Structure formats: structure tokens, C-alpha cells
């Protein structure tokens, strides 16, 4: 997975953190959680606010 795989990341986050409301997750935690996912292959230098927003939005849609 890479930062641009927002839907795949969102599904993995929803499975790994089923009791977390993605609307309440700050970007620092979100970045760390994404980087800790099995199969995630990029580092934080390739991450940005827009990518985190896309991941968070996809996660919100996934749980709704």
C-alpha cells in the first residue's frame, strides 16, 4: 500500500480500529496508524495533508 491507496487504507483502518470514530482522529495519529499497517510501504516524507484528508474521508465513508 502507498499513501495514494486511500480506499484500501481506509478499509484496513476500519478493520484494525473498529471502535474508533474516524472523525475524531488527528492527522498525527492517522499518519502513524497508516504507517503501522501491514503491507504499507511508504514513509512519512511522501505524506501530506491532502493525502491524510483523502484517507480520513474514505474511512468515514467506509464506516457509514
N, C-alpha and C. Protein backbone atom coordinates (compact mmCIF):
# COMPACT_ATOMS: atom_id res chain seq x y z
N UNK A 1 0.84 -1.19 0.00
CA UNK A 1 0.00 0.00 0.00
C UNK A 1 0.88 1.25 0.00
N UNK A 2 0.35 2.27 -0.61
CA UNK A 2 1.01 3.57 -0.66
C UNK A 2 0.02 4.64 -0.19
N UNK A 3 0.53 5.84 0.05
CA UNK A 3 -0.33 6.92 0.55
C UNK A 3 -1.53 7.18 -0.36
N UNK A 4 -1.41 6.92 -1.63
CA UNK A 4 -2.49 7.21 -2.57
C UNK A 4 -3.56 6.12 -2.59
N UNK A 5 -3.36 5.03 -1.89
CA UNK A 5 -4.34 3.93 -1.84
C UNK A 5 -5.35 4.19 -0.72
N UNK A 6 -6.02 5.33 -0.79
CA UNK A 6 -6.86 5.77 0.32
C UNK A 6 -7.99 4.80 0.65
N UNK A 7 -8.63 4.22 -0.33
CA UNK A 7 -9.73 3.28 -0.03
C UNK A 7 -9.20 2.01 0.63
N UNK A 8 -8.13 1.47 0.10
CA UNK A 8 -7.53 0.27 0.69
C UNK A 8 -7.07 0.54 2.13
N UNK A 9 -6.48 1.68 2.35
CA UNK A 9 -6.03 2.08 3.69
C UNK A 9 -7.24 2.24 4.60
N UNK A 10 -8.29 2.89 4.11
CA UNK A 10 -9.49 3.11 4.92
C UNK A 10 -10.11 1.79 5.36
N UNK A 11 -10.16 0.82 4.47
CA UNK A 11 -10.72 -0.49 4.82
C UNK A 11 -9.85 -1.15 5.89
N UNK A 12 -8.54 -1.07 5.74
CA UNK A 12 -7.63 -1.66 6.72
C UNK A 12 -7.77 -0.97 8.08
N UNK A 13 -7.90 0.35 8.09
CA UNK A 13 -8.07 1.08 9.34
C UNK A 13 -9.40 0.73 10.01
N UNK A 14 -10.46 0.63 9.22
CA UNK A 14 -11.77 0.28 9.78
C UNK A 14 -11.74 -1.11 10.42
N UNK A 15 -11.01 -2.02 9.80
CA UNK A 15 -10.89 -3.38 10.37
C UNK A 15 -10.01 -3.39 11.62
N UNK A 16 -8.95 -2.61 11.59
CA UNK A 16 -7.99 -2.61 12.71
C UNK A 16 -8.49 -1.80 13.90
N UNK A 17 -9.27 -0.76 13.66
CA UNK A 17 -9.77 0.13 14.73
C UNK A 17 -11.29 0.24 14.64
N UNK A 18 -12.01 -0.86 14.87
CA UNK A 18 -13.47 -0.84 14.68
C UNK A 18 -14.23 0.08 15.65
N UNK A 19 -13.65 0.38 16.79
CA UNK A 19 -14.34 1.21 17.78
C UNK A 19 -13.95 2.68 17.72
N UNK A 20 -13.15 3.06 16.72
CA UNK A 20 -12.69 4.44 16.60
C UNK A 20 -13.56 5.19 15.60
N UNK A 21 -13.99 6.38 15.99
CA UNK A 21 -14.70 7.27 15.07
C UNK A 21 -13.64 8.02 14.26
N UNK A 22 -13.56 7.78 12.95
CA UNK A 22 -12.50 8.42 12.16
C UNK A 22 -12.58 9.94 12.15
N UNK A 23 -13.73 10.50 12.48
CA UNK A 23 -13.86 11.96 12.52
C UNK A 23 -13.07 12.56 13.68
N UNK A 24 -12.73 11.74 14.67
CA UNK A 24 -12.04 12.25 15.86
C UNK A 24 -10.53 12.02 15.83
N UNK A 25 -10.02 11.40 14.79
CA UNK A 25 -8.60 11.07 14.72
C UNK A 25 -7.81 12.25 14.15
N UNK A 26 -6.79 12.68 14.88
CA UNK A 26 -5.96 13.78 14.36
C UNK A 26 -4.96 13.23 13.34
N UNK A 27 -4.41 14.11 12.53
CA UNK A 27 -3.56 13.68 11.42
C UNK A 27 -2.25 13.04 11.90
N UNK A 28 -1.74 13.43 13.04
CA UNK A 28 -0.51 12.82 13.56
C UNK A 28 -0.75 11.35 13.86
N UNK A 29 -1.85 11.06 14.57
CA UNK A 29 -2.19 9.67 14.87
C UNK A 29 -2.52 8.90 13.59
N UNK A 30 -3.27 9.53 12.70
CA UNK A 30 -3.65 8.87 11.46
C UNK A 30 -2.42 8.47 10.67
N UNK A 31 -1.45 9.36 10.57
CA UNK A 31 -0.23 9.05 9.84
C UNK A 31 0.49 7.86 10.48
N UNK A 32 0.61 7.86 11.80
CA UNK A 32 1.28 6.75 12.48
C UNK A 32 0.53 5.44 12.29
N UNK A 33 -0.79 5.48 12.38
CA UNK A 33 -1.59 4.26 12.22
C UNK A 33 -1.46 3.71 10.81
N UNK A 34 -1.48 4.59 9.83
CA UNK A 34 -1.33 4.14 8.44
C UNK A 34 0.04 3.49 8.25
N UNK A 35 1.08 4.15 8.75
CA UNK A 35 2.43 3.62 8.57
C UNK A 35 2.63 2.29 9.28
N UNK A 36 1.82 2.00 10.30
CA UNK A 36 1.93 0.75 11.04
C UNK A 36 1.12 -0.39 10.41
N UNK A 37 0.33 -0.09 9.38
CA UNK A 37 -0.48 -1.13 8.75
C UNK A 37 0.40 -2.16 8.05
N UNK A 38 0.06 -3.44 8.18
CA UNK A 38 0.81 -4.47 7.45
C UNK A 38 0.70 -4.21 5.94
N UNK A 39 1.81 -4.28 5.26
CA UNK A 39 1.82 -4.08 3.82
C UNK A 39 1.97 -2.63 3.39
N UNK A 40 2.05 -1.71 4.35
CA UNK A 40 2.25 -0.31 3.97
C UNK A 40 3.73 -0.09 3.67
N UNK A 41 4.03 0.52 2.51
CA UNK A 41 5.40 0.53 2.01
C UNK A 41 6.06 1.90 1.89
N UNK A 42 5.39 2.97 2.23
CA UNK A 42 5.99 4.30 2.06
C UNK A 42 6.35 4.90 3.40
N UNK A 43 7.12 5.97 3.36
CA UNK A 43 7.46 6.64 4.61
C UNK A 43 6.76 7.99 4.68
N UNK A 44 6.93 8.65 5.80
CA UNK A 44 6.19 9.88 6.06
C UNK A 44 6.60 11.04 5.15
N UNK A 45 7.75 10.96 4.50
CA UNK A 45 8.17 12.04 3.59
C UNK A 45 7.23 12.17 2.40
N UNK A 46 6.53 11.11 2.06
CA UNK A 46 5.60 11.15 0.92
C UNK A 46 4.17 11.47 1.35
N UNK A 47 4.00 11.73 2.62
CA UNK A 47 2.67 12.01 3.16
C UNK A 47 2.44 13.52 3.18
N UNK A 48 1.18 13.90 3.05
CA UNK A 48 0.82 15.31 3.13
C UNK A 48 -0.61 15.44 3.63
N UNK A 49 -0.99 16.65 3.93
CA UNK A 49 -2.32 16.89 4.48
C UNK A 49 -3.42 16.42 3.53
N UNK A 50 -3.26 16.66 2.25
CA UNK A 50 -4.30 16.24 1.29
C UNK A 50 -4.45 14.72 1.25
N UNK A 51 -3.36 13.99 1.33
CA UNK A 51 -3.43 12.53 1.34
C UNK A 51 -4.10 12.03 2.61
N UNK A 52 -3.77 12.65 3.74
CA UNK A 52 -4.41 12.26 5.00
C UNK A 52 -5.89 12.59 4.99
N UNK A 53 -6.26 13.73 4.42
CA UNK A 53 -7.68 14.08 4.30
C UNK A 53 -8.42 13.05 3.46
N UNK A 54 -7.81 12.62 2.36
CA UNK A 54 -8.45 11.63 1.49
C UNK A 54 -8.62 10.30 2.22
N UNK A 55 -7.62 9.91 2.98
CA UNK A 55 -7.71 8.66 3.76
C UNK A 55 -8.80 8.78 4.81
N UNK A 56 -8.80 9.89 5.54
CA UNK A 56 -9.81 10.08 6.58
C UNK A 56 -11.21 10.09 5.99
N UNK A 57 -11.40 10.77 4.87
CA UNK A 57 -12.71 10.82 4.24
C UNK A 57 -13.15 9.44 3.78
N UNK A 58 -12.24 8.68 3.20
CA UNK A 58 -12.57 7.32 2.76
C UNK A 58 -12.92 6.44 3.95
N UNK A 59 -12.23 6.63 5.07
CA UNK A 59 -12.51 5.87 6.30
C UNK A 59 -13.90 6.23 6.83
N UNK A 60 -14.23 7.51 6.84
CA UNK A 60 -15.55 7.96 7.29
C UNK A 60 -16.63 7.32 6.43
N UNK A 61 -16.44 7.33 5.12
CA UNK A 61 -17.42 6.72 4.21
C UNK A 61 -17.50 5.22 4.40
N UNK A 62 -16.38 4.59 4.71
CA UNK A 62 -16.34 3.15 4.92
C UNK A 62 -17.17 2.72 6.13
N UNK A 63 -17.12 3.50 7.20
CA UNK A 63 -17.84 3.12 8.42
C UNK A 63 -19.30 3.54 8.40
N UNK A 64 -19.67 4.46 7.51
CA UNK A 64 -21.06 4.93 7.44
C UNK A 64 -21.95 3.98 6.71
